[in-house]
């Protein structure tokens, strides 16, 4: 097959690697619009399940990523006016550019052609290919070129956030909540190598406006945030990315879903197909799993149409639980005042369980007491969450058959 992967992120690069590794006869090209060595974003976070998936599908890639991953241990929860709280656990992270370099190197090693500064805005530019994979991100140009083909829906979150970096290395995943006259503002911070960390700032639109960020440029915004988070930064600086050095890159998260993931020989993958809120840290994992799923479907021996249909059905089902958890997590932060003034230990537990749908339907104190004291309630919480996802899974499967 002649295959074009449009987008040099994890989905496009890893798919190219898997397909070329399984059949060297494939002619595969990855087309990336940015120059080599240029990406936007700081660190990416992942857990053991991603490393296990990588190891099962391409051991050399898995070994390199596992060998270079930064491990953070535990979670620190810092709330103005409350004692510090902590949660157990660990995870991994890596500078986004380093991850892309590893994936690019492996693809090239297997014979994939990787082209940088290659703009593709319409599938017609690739009409001589058997398969075109739109892995070109949340703003996918290929998807937007055919607005009626995919049934795209974009839901914009309420909170404002800015994705920053810092030279302060956080060895635990850190949530720091700062009380201001305009309301709460907080960070999600984690190290991704021995020299730097991701530092995401988030707040409600009312707090954002009340602190004057709507009138502040990039330099003034960074200075204001460094002042607000001075105790956490220990005199380290915050750094922004992006081509605009005047405007502060505040965003509102966009949840992208698509009724259909394929149109002819064009198929969506990664953020072009779906997004999940950054507060559950699953973007890289899901992009890689899309690549694994699509490679498996294409290798099953079916015709192209059947393979793409199987990929879409299976990945939609696999995403259901995480998509629901991401919506619950985003909503938890959008309703932060409901939870934050309940004492350090209770707040930490509610933060840990922010993915629970039951938490949105009960009083926070009632949920906390039942979850903490009753094993039966904790089991019911998990079962209810699972059953809700199973109902939606059956709906998706019925829809795909229709």
Protein backbone atom coordinates (compact mmCIF):
# COMPACT_ATOMS: atom_id res chain seq x y z
CA UNK A 1 0.00 0.00 0.00
CA UNK A 2 0.96 3.61 -0.52
CA UNK A 3 0.16 5.43 2.72
CA UNK A 4 0.41 9.08 3.77
CA UNK A 5 0.33 9.99 7.47
CA UNK A 6 -0.42 13.70 7.68
CA UNK A 7 0.96 15.00 10.97
CA UNK A 8 4.26 14.15 12.61
CA UNK A 9 2.91 13.67 16.14
CA UNK A 10 2.78 10.41 18.10
CA UNK A 11 -0.18 8.96 16.17
CA UNK A 12 1.23 9.51 12.68
CA UNK A 13 4.82 8.56 13.48
CA UNK A 14 4.01 5.44 15.49
CA UNK A 15 1.47 4.21 12.92
CA UNK A 16 4.08 4.59 10.19
CA UNK A 17 6.58 2.65 12.29
CA UNK A 18 4.18 -0.21 12.98
CA UNK A 19 3.00 -0.55 9.39
CA UNK A 20 6.49 -0.38 7.91
CA UNK A 21 7.86 -2.81 10.50
CA UNK A 22 5.17 -5.37 9.72
CA UNK A 23 5.35 -5.00 5.93
CA UNK A 24 8.49 -3.35 4.51
CA UNK A 25 6.75 -3.31 1.12
CA UNK A 26 4.47 -0.49 2.21
CA UNK A 27 5.45 2.92 0.84
CA UNK A 28 4.81 5.23 3.78
CA UNK A 29 5.34 8.98 4.07
CA UNK A 30 4.85 11.15 7.15
CA UNK A 31 4.09 14.77 6.27
CA UNK A 32 4.69 17.34 9.03
CA UNK A 33 3.91 21.02 8.53
CA UNK A 34 6.46 22.30 11.11
CA UNK A 35 10.23 22.39 10.56
CA UNK A 36 12.31 19.58 12.04
CA UNK A 37 12.84 20.07 15.76
CA UNK A 38 9.89 22.45 16.21
CA UNK A 39 6.86 21.51 18.27
CA UNK A 40 4.49 23.26 20.65
CA UNK A 41 3.99 21.81 24.09
CA UNK A 42 6.27 20.98 26.98
CA UNK A 43 6.16 17.57 28.60
CA UNK A 44 3.82 14.65 28.02
CA UNK A 45 2.72 12.38 30.84
CA UNK A 46 1.99 8.64 30.75
CA UNK A 47 1.84 5.51 32.87
CA UNK A 48 2.84 1.84 32.80
CA UNK A 49 0.01 0.87 30.46
CA UNK A 50 1.49 2.95 27.64
CA UNK A 51 4.93 1.42 28.11
CA UNK A 52 3.36 -2.04 28.08
CA UNK A 53 1.54 -1.27 24.83
CA UNK A 54 4.71 0.03 23.22
CA UNK A 55 6.67 -3.05 24.34
CA UNK A 56 4.06 -5.40 22.86
CA UNK A 57 4.14 -3.71 19.46
CA UNK A 58 7.64 -2.33 18.86
CA UNK A 59 10.15 -3.28 21.58
CA UNK A 60 12.98 -0.99 20.38
CA UNK A 61 10.76 2.10 20.68
CA UNK A 62 9.52 0.96 24.08
CA UNK A 63 13.05 0.38 25.37
CA UNK A 64 14.25 3.82 24.32
CA UNK A 65 11.25 5.64 25.80
CA UNK A 66 11.34 3.63 29.05
CA UNK A 67 15.08 4.25 29.38
CA UNK A 68 14.74 8.01 29.06
CA UNK A 69 11.41 8.63 30.81
CA UNK A 70 11.36 10.92 33.85
CA UNK A 71 9.61 9.28 36.79
CA UNK A 72 7.64 11.43 39.24
CA UNK A 73 6.45 9.98 42.52
CA UNK A 74 3.33 10.91 44.46
CA UNK A 75 1.05 13.92 44.22
CA UNK A 76 1.37 17.09 46.30
CA UNK A 77 -1.76 19.15 46.92
CA UNK A 78 -1.09 22.69 48.12
CA UNK A 79 -4.04 24.89 49.00
CA UNK A 80 -3.72 28.38 50.46
CA UNK A 81 -4.68 28.31 54.11
CA UNK A 82 -4.59 24.50 54.45
CA UNK A 83 -1.87 21.99 55.43
CA UNK A 84 -0.13 20.23 52.56
CA UNK A 85 -1.77 16.96 51.52
CA UNK A 86 -0.39 14.11 49.47
CA UNK A 87 -1.52 11.13 47.43
CA UNK A 88 0.36 7.97 46.51
CA UNK A 89 1.21 6.83 43.01
CA UNK A 90 3.72 7.49 40.29
CA UNK A 91 3.90 8.19 36.61
CA UNK A 92 6.27 9.04 33.78
CA UNK A 93 6.84 12.05 31.60
CA UNK A 94 9.08 13.18 28.77
CA UNK A 95 9.82 16.33 26.87
CA UNK A 96 7.46 16.30 23.89
CA UNK A 97 10.21 17.12 21.44
CA UNK A 98 12.34 14.24 22.73
CA UNK A 99 9.43 11.82 22.32
CA UNK A 100 8.93 12.98 18.73
CA UNK A 101 12.66 12.65 18.05
CA UNK A 102 12.60 9.04 19.28
CA UNK A 103 9.56 8.18 17.17
CA UNK A 104 10.99 9.93 14.10
CA UNK A 105 14.34 8.15 14.42
CA UNK A 106 12.67 4.75 14.64
CA UNK A 107 10.45 5.46 11.64
CA UNK A 108 13.44 6.55 9.55
CA UNK A 109 15.38 3.48 10.65
CA UNK A 110 12.65 1.25 9.21
CA UNK A 111 12.52 3.13 5.91
CA UNK A 112 9.62 5.54 6.42
CA UNK A 113 10.00 8.83 4.57
CA UNK A 114 9.50 11.78 6.93
CA UNK A 115 9.05 15.20 5.33
CA UNK A 116 9.08 18.41 7.35
CA UNK A 117 7.61 21.76 6.28
CA UNK A 118 5.13 19.81 4.17
CA UNK A 119 1.73 21.52 4.12
CA UNK A 120 -1.30 19.37 3.27
CA UNK A 121 -4.67 21.10 3.34
CA UNK A 122 -6.80 18.85 1.14
CA UNK A 123 -6.86 15.07 0.55
CA UNK A 124 -6.84 15.83 -3.20
CA UNK A 125 -3.14 16.56 -2.85
CA UNK A 126 -2.70 12.88 -1.95
CA UNK A 127 -5.15 11.28 -4.35
CA UNK A 128 -2.50 8.85 -5.59
CA UNK A 129 -2.28 7.20 -2.14
CA UNK A 130 -4.23 4.12 -1.09
CA UNK A 131 -4.70 5.43 2.45
CA UNK A 132 -4.48 8.91 3.96
CA UNK A 133 -4.34 9.21 7.76
CA UNK A 134 -5.33 12.58 9.18
CA UNK A 135 -3.19 12.75 12.33
CA UNK A 136 -2.84 16.52 12.08
CA UNK A 137 -4.21 17.49 15.48
CA UNK A 138 -7.22 19.13 17.05
CA UNK A 139 -7.42 21.73 14.25
CA UNK A 140 -7.04 19.08 11.54
CA UNK A 141 -7.05 20.74 8.14
CA UNK A 142 -7.97 17.51 6.42
CA UNK A 143 -10.99 17.04 8.67
CA UNK A 144 -12.09 20.66 8.23
CA UNK A 145 -11.71 20.38 4.45
CA UNK A 146 -14.71 18.00 4.50
CA UNK A 147 -16.99 19.42 7.23
CA UNK A 148 -19.93 17.20 6.32
CA UNK A 149 -18.03 13.93 6.19
CA UNK A 150 -17.22 13.29 9.84
CA UNK A 151 -20.01 14.83 11.92
CA UNK A 152 -17.53 16.79 13.98
CA UNK A 153 -18.65 18.30 17.28
CA UNK A 154 -16.51 20.69 19.31
CA UNK A 155 -17.49 21.55 22.88
CA UNK A 156 -15.58 24.40 24.50
CA UNK A 157 -14.80 24.19 28.19
CA UNK A 158 -15.54 27.01 30.60
CA UNK A 159 -12.17 27.48 32.30
CA UNK A 160 -9.19 29.33 30.89
CA UNK A 161 -5.73 27.76 30.92
CA UNK A 162 -2.20 28.41 29.71
CA UNK A 163 0.40 25.75 28.97
CA UNK A 164 3.78 26.91 30.30
CA UNK A 165 7.19 25.53 31.16
CA UNK A 166 9.60 26.24 34.00
CA UNK A 167 13.14 25.38 35.01
CA UNK A 168 11.85 24.32 38.44
CA UNK A 169 11.87 20.50 38.44
CA UNK A 170 8.82 19.07 40.21
CA UNK A 171 9.60 15.50 41.27
CA UNK A 172 5.98 14.92 42.35
CA UNK A 173 2.87 15.78 40.38
CA UNK A 174 1.89 19.06 42.03
CA UNK A 175 -1.44 20.84 42.28
CA UNK A 176 -1.14 24.29 43.86
CA UNK A 177 -4.28 26.37 44.48
CA UNK A 178 -3.86 30.09 45.14
CA UNK A 179 -6.66 32.22 46.57
CA UNK A 180 -6.87 35.72 45.05
CA UNK A 181 -9.37 38.58 45.47
CA UNK A 182 -10.81 37.50 42.11
CA UNK A 183 -11.12 33.80 43.01
CA UNK A 184 -8.99 30.68 42.83
CA UNK A 185 -6.19 30.07 40.33
CA UNK A 186 -4.16 26.87 40.27
CA UNK A 187 -1.42 24.96 38.51
CA UNK A 188 -0.83 21.39 37.37
CA UNK A 189 2.96 20.90 37.44
CA UNK A 190 5.22 17.91 36.79
CA UNK A 191 8.84 17.42 35.80
CA UNK A 192 9.63 15.89 32.43
CA UNK A 193 13.43 15.71 32.56
CA UNK A 194 16.25 16.72 34.89
CA UNK A 195 16.06 20.38 33.84
CA UNK A 196 12.43 21.43 33.38
CA UNK A 197 8.73 20.91 34.14
CA UNK A 198 5.35 21.46 32.58
CA UNK A 199 3.38 24.16 34.43
CA UNK A 200 -0.27 24.47 33.37
CA UNK A 201 -2.18 27.39 34.90
CA UNK A 202 -5.98 27.17 35.08
CA UNK A 203 -8.77 29.35 36.48
CA UNK A 204 -12.41 30.27 35.95
CA UNK A 205 -13.23 32.96 33.37
CA UNK A 206 -14.35 35.24 36.22
CA UNK A 207 -10.98 34.92 37.96
CA UNK A 208 -9.17 35.36 34.65
CA UNK A 209 -11.04 38.61 34.00
CA UNK A 210 -10.81 39.79 37.58
CA UNK A 211 -7.02 39.43 37.59
CA UNK A 212 -6.83 41.53 34.45
CA UNK A 213 -5.40 38.89 32.14
CA UNK A 214 -7.67 40.01 29.34
CA UNK A 215 -5.75 43.29 29.16
CA UNK A 216 -2.24 41.91 29.80
CA UNK A 217 0.24 40.93 27.11
CA UNK A 218 2.54 37.94 27.34
CA UNK A 219 5.33 39.50 29.38
CA UNK A 220 2.98 41.10 31.91
CA UNK A 221 0.92 37.89 32.20
CA UNK A 222 4.03 35.82 32.92
CA UNK A 223 5.19 38.33 35.53
CA UNK A 224 1.80 38.24 37.23
CA UNK A 225 1.75 34.44 37.31
CA UNK A 226 5.29 34.28 38.68
CA UNK A 227 4.13 36.56 41.49
CA UNK A 228 1.05 34.46 42.25
CA UNK A 229 2.99 31.17 42.25
CA UNK A 230 6.21 32.47 43.79
CA UNK A 231 6.15 29.98 46.73
CA UNK A 232 5.89 27.03 44.32
CA UNK A 233 8.44 28.31 41.77
CA UNK A 234 11.28 29.05 44.23
CA UNK A 235 12.49 31.99 42.09
CA UNK A 236 12.43 29.95 38.87
CA UNK A 237 10.92 31.56 35.77
CA UNK A 238 7.91 30.62 33.67
CA UNK A 239 8.30 30.31 29.91
CA UNK A 240 5.70 30.37 27.13
CA UNK A 241 5.89 28.89 23.64
CA UNK A 242 4.35 29.87 20.34
CA UNK A 243 4.98 32.16 17.39
CA UNK A 244 3.20 35.17 18.95
CA UNK A 245 5.56 36.80 21.45
CA UNK A 246 3.11 39.55 22.35
CA UNK A 247 -0.14 37.74 23.13
CA UNK A 248 -0.47 35.48 26.16
CA UNK A 249 -1.56 32.01 24.92
CA UNK A 250 -4.64 31.58 27.13
CA UNK A 251 -6.94 28.83 25.83
CA UNK A 252 -10.30 27.21 26.55
CA UNK A 253 -10.17 23.44 26.13
CA UNK A 254 -11.99 22.05 23.12
CA UNK A 255 -13.40 18.55 23.34
CA UNK A 256 -13.52 17.13 19.82
CA UNK A 257 -15.72 14.16 18.91
CA UNK A 258 -16.65 12.78 15.50
CA UNK A 259 -19.67 10.68 14.54
CA UNK A 260 -17.59 9.11 11.80
CA UNK A 261 -13.82 8.65 11.63
CA UNK A 262 -13.49 7.71 7.97
CA UNK A 263 -14.48 9.00 4.56
CA UNK A 264 -13.37 6.96 1.58
CA UNK A 265 -9.66 6.28 2.05
CA UNK A 266 -9.24 9.12 4.57
CA UNK A 267 -9.25 8.17 8.27
CA UNK A 268 -8.81 10.20 11.46
CA UNK A 269 -6.41 9.42 14.31
CA UNK A 270 -5.24 11.10 17.50
CA UNK A 271 -6.52 14.57 18.36
CA UNK A 272 -8.04 14.92 14.87
CA UNK A 273 -10.49 12.16 15.88
CA UNK A 274 -10.96 12.91 19.58
CA UNK A 275 -9.62 14.91 22.50
CA UNK A 276 -9.81 14.27 26.25
CA UNK A 277 -9.28 16.98 28.84
CA UNK A 278 -5.68 17.49 29.95
CA UNK A 279 -6.60 16.91 33.61
CA UNK A 280 -6.54 13.13 33.05
CA UNK A 281 -3.26 13.14 31.08
CA UNK A 282 -4.25 10.66 28.36
CA UNK A 283 -3.60 12.46 25.06
CA UNK A 284 -0.34 10.73 24.18
CA UNK A 285 -1.60 7.33 25.34
CA UNK A 286 -4.72 7.57 23.18
CA UNK A 287 -2.79 8.74 20.11
CA UNK A 288 -0.42 5.76 20.41
CA UNK A 289 -3.34 3.40 20.98
CA UNK A 290 -5.07 4.73 17.86
CA UNK A 291 -1.92 3.87 15.90
CA UNK A 292 -1.83 0.38 17.41
CA UNK A 293 -5.52 -0.16 16.69
CA UNK A 294 -5.34 1.06 13.11
CA UNK A 295 -2.23 -1.01 12.37
CA UNK A 296 -3.92 -4.11 13.76
CA UNK A 297 -7.09 -3.53 11.72
CA UNK A 298 -5.11 -3.00 8.52
CA UNK A 299 -3.10 -6.15 9.19
CA UNK A 300 -6.15 -8.36 9.71
CA UNK A 301 -6.41 -9.17 6.00
CA UNK A 302 -9.76 -7.51 5.32
CA UNK A 303 -10.40 -5.04 2.53
CA UNK A 304 -9.58 -1.40 3.32
CA UNK A 305 -13.18 -0.33 3.97
CA UNK A 306 -13.79 -3.17 6.42
CA UNK A 307 -10.47 -2.53 8.16
CA UNK A 308 -11.23 1.15 8.66
CA UNK A 309 -14.73 0.35 9.92
CA UNK A 310 -13.33 -2.13 12.45
CA UNK A 311 -10.74 0.40 13.62
CA UNK A 312 -13.38 3.10 14.12
CA UNK A 313 -15.75 0.80 15.99
CA UNK A 314 -13.12 -0.69 18.29
CA UNK A 315 -11.44 2.60 19.13
CA UNK A 316 -14.74 4.36 19.82
CA UNK A 317 -15.64 1.62 22.29
CA UNK A 318 -12.20 1.73 23.92
CA UNK A 319 -12.48 5.50 24.39
CA UNK A 320 -15.87 5.56 26.10
CA UNK A 321 -14.70 5.26 29.70
CA UNK A 322 -11.84 7.73 29.38
CA UNK A 323 -14.01 10.27 27.57
CA UNK A 324 -16.57 10.14 30.36
CA UNK A 325 -13.87 10.40 33.01
CA UNK A 326 -12.33 13.36 31.20
CA UNK A 327 -15.68 15.19 31.15
CA UNK A 328 -16.15 14.52 34.86
CA UNK A 329 -12.61 15.68 35.66
CA UNK A 330 -12.96 18.88 33.64
CA UNK A 331 -16.29 19.59 35.33
CA UNK A 332 -14.76 19.04 38.77
CA UNK A 333 -12.25 21.82 38.14
CA UNK A 334 -14.95 24.04 36.65
CA UNK A 335 -16.84 23.74 39.96
CA UNK A 336 -13.80 24.01 42.22
CA UNK A 337 -15.52 26.19 44.91
CA UNK A 338 -17.84 23.25 45.59
CA UNK A 339 -14.89 21.23 46.90
CA UNK A 340 -11.99 23.38 47.98
CA UNK A 341 -12.97 24.63 51.45
CA UNK A 342 -13.45 21.19 53.03
CA UNK A 343 -10.10 20.64 54.74
CA UNK A 344 -6.88 19.21 53.36
CA UNK A 345 -7.56 15.48 53.62
CA UNK A 346 -11.14 15.67 52.31
CA UNK A 347 -10.18 17.96 49.46
CA UNK A 348 -7.29 15.68 48.44
CA UNK A 349 -9.62 12.66 48.38
CA UNK A 350 -12.22 14.52 46.31
CA UNK A 351 -9.50 15.61 43.89
CA UNK A 352 -8.33 12.01 43.58
CA UNK A 353 -11.89 10.86 42.76
CA UNK A 354 -12.74 13.72 40.39
CA UNK A 355 -13.44 11.23 37.57
CA UNK A 356 -16.41 9.73 39.43
CA UNK A 357 -19.81 10.55 38.00
CA UNK A 358 -21.43 9.84 41.35
CA UNK A 359 -19.44 12.68 42.90
CA UNK A 360 -21.32 15.15 40.69
CA UNK A 361 -24.65 13.78 41.96
CA UNK A 362 -23.97 13.77 45.70
CA UNK A 363 -22.88 16.30 48.26
CA UNK A 364 -19.06 16.26 48.42
CA UNK A 365 -19.07 15.59 52.16
CA UNK A 366 -21.54 12.72 51.80
CA UNK A 367 -19.56 11.18 48.98
CA UNK A 368 -16.31 11.50 50.95
CA UNK A 369 -17.73 9.90 54.10
CA UNK A 370 -19.34 7.00 52.28
CA UNK A 371 -16.35 6.35 50.05
CA UNK A 372 -13.96 6.47 53.00
CA UNK A 373 -15.95 4.35 55.43
CA UNK A 374 -17.81 1.89 53.23
CA UNK A 375 -16.13 -0.69 51.03
CA UNK A 376 -19.56 -1.52 49.61
CA UNK A 377 -20.10 2.07 48.49
CA UNK A 378 -16.65 2.22 46.88
CA UNK A 379 -17.43 -0.98 44.99
CA UNK A 380 -20.84 0.40 43.95
CA UNK A 381 -19.20 3.62 42.71
CA UNK A 382 -16.86 1.62 40.49
CA UNK A 383 -19.64 -0.70 39.30
CA UNK A 384 -22.05 2.14 38.52
CA UNK A 385 -19.34 3.91 36.52
CA UNK A 386 -18.55 0.70 34.62
CA UNK A 387 -22.22 -0.09 33.92
CA UNK A 388 -22.83 3.40 32.53
CA UNK A 389 -19.92 2.92 30.14
CA UNK A 390 -21.17 -0.51 29.10
CA UNK A 391 -24.57 0.94 28.20
CA UNK A 392 -22.91 3.53 26.01
CA UNK A 393 -20.67 0.85 24.49
CA UNK A 394 -23.71 -1.12 23.37
CA UNK A 395 -25.14 2.02 21.81
CA UNK A 396 -21.93 2.62 19.88
CA UNK A 397 -21.83 -0.96 18.63
CA UNK A 398 -25.48 -0.82 17.54
CA UNK A 399 -24.81 2.47 15.76
CA UNK A 400 -21.80 1.07 13.90
CA UNK A 401 -23.84 -1.89 12.68
CA UNK A 402 -26.52 0.48 11.45
